Amino acid sequence: MRLCRFKHNGQVQAGFYDDAFVVSVAVAADLYAKATSDKLAALAGDNLLDFLPPDGKHFGAAEKIADWLEENGAPKPAPATDQPR
């Protein structure tokens, strides 16, 4: 699982991606919380440094979510671009 920045509905967001999907960090955090009952602090924004080691303020939460996505299969949300389908 890797981190990226992407634009969806005109808004830049941080997200997780692999070869098949992109999902925003905020959406992934909501899915994680619903599936595990482990409510994490609000994860929003597009600054990837917030989600990376060693000093990212959301690194621990991002790592938990990324591991969960890899173990449980990734969601298949709508395409994450402003381009028409």
Protein backbone atom coordinates (compact mmCIF):
# COMPACT_ATOMS: atom_id res chain seq x y z
CA MET A 1 0.00 0.00 0.00
CA ARG A 2 1.39 3.37 -1.00
CA LEU A 3 0.46 6.97 -0.31
CA CYS A 4 -0.37 9.54 -2.95
CA ARG A 5 -2.04 12.87 -3.56
CA PHE A 6 -4.93 13.00 -6.01
CA LYS A 7 -7.67 15.32 -7.14
CA HIS A 8 -11.34 14.35 -6.81
CA ASN A 9 -14.24 16.74 -7.41
CA GLY A 10 -11.74 19.60 -7.60
CA GLN A 11 -10.24 18.85 -4.19
CA VAL A 12 -6.70 17.59 -3.57
CA GLN A 13 -6.56 14.76 -1.02
CA ALA A 14 -4.10 12.28 0.41
CA GLY A 15 -4.87 8.68 -0.37
CA PHE A 16 -3.79 5.07 -0.42
CA TYR A 17 -3.29 3.29 -3.71
CA ASP A 18 -2.21 0.07 -5.32
CA ASP A 19 -2.43 -1.20 -8.88
CA ALA A 20 -6.25 -1.35 -8.84
CA PHE A 21 -7.58 1.57 -6.80
CA VAL A 22 -7.16 4.91 -5.05
CA VAL A 23 -9.04 5.69 -1.85
CA SER A 24 -8.72 8.83 0.25
CA VAL A 25 -7.15 8.50 3.66
CA ALA A 26 -10.33 9.91 5.23
CA VAL A 27 -12.58 7.35 3.50
CA ALA A 28 -10.19 4.52 4.35
CA ALA A 29 -10.16 5.65 8.00
CA ASP A 30 -13.97 5.57 8.08
CA LEU A 31 -14.05 2.07 6.56
CA TYR A 32 -11.40 0.91 9.03
CA ALA A 33 -13.34 2.35 11.99
CA LYS A 34 -16.59 0.68 10.91
CA ALA A 35 -14.92 -2.69 10.39
CA THR A 36 -12.76 -2.73 13.52
CA SER A 37 -14.55 -0.39 15.96
CA ASP A 38 -11.16 1.33 16.37
CA LYS A 39 -11.96 5.02 15.98
CA LEU A 40 -8.88 6.93 14.89
CA ALA A 41 -8.33 10.66 15.10
CA ALA A 42 -9.67 12.61 12.12
CA LEU A 43 -7.33 12.09 9.21
CA ALA A 44 -7.69 14.78 6.61
CA GLY A 45 -5.55 16.96 4.44
CA ASP A 46 -3.23 16.45 1.54
CA ASN A 47 0.18 16.87 3.17
CA LEU A 48 1.82 13.47 2.76
CA LEU A 49 4.45 14.33 5.37
CA ASP A 50 1.68 14.07 7.99
CA PHE A 51 1.35 10.35 7.15
CA LEU A 52 5.03 9.39 6.80
CA PRO A 53 7.68 8.34 9.31
CA PRO A 54 9.46 9.35 11.35
CA ASP A 55 7.63 12.50 12.45
CA GLY A 56 4.28 12.43 10.67
CA LYS A 57 1.55 13.28 13.14
CA HIS A 58 -0.75 10.64 11.58
CA PHE A 59 1.89 8.02 10.76
CA GLY A 60 0.69 5.44 13.31
CA ALA A 61 -2.91 5.66 12.15
CA ALA A 62 -1.96 5.60 8.46
CA GLU A 63 0.17 2.52 9.01
CA LYS A 64 -2.72 0.71 10.77
CA ILE A 65 -5.13 1.56 7.97
CA ALA A 66 -2.70 0.59 5.20
CA ASP A 67 -2.05 -2.77 6.86
CA TRP A 68 -5.80 -3.33 7.27
CA LEU A 69 -6.46 -2.48 3.61
CA GLU A 70 -3.80 -4.95 2.48
CA GLU A 71 -5.12 -7.74 4.73
CA ASN A 72 -8.83 -7.25 4.04
CA GLY A 73 -8.97 -6.27 0.43
CA ALA A 74 -9.20 -2.77 -0.78
CA PRO A 75 -12.45 -0.93 -1.38
CA LYS A 76 -13.37 -0.12 -4.95
CA PRO A 77 -14.59 3.49 -4.80
CA ALA A 78 -15.47 5.67 -7.78
CA PRO A 79 -12.54 6.84 -9.92
CA ALA A 80 -10.49 9.51 -8.19
CA THR A 81 -9.95 11.97 -11.01
CA ASP A 82 -11.79 14.89 -12.48
CA GLN A 83 -11.62 13.28 -15.90
CA PRO A 84 -14.84 12.04 -17.50
CA ARG A 85 -15.33 8.30 -17.63
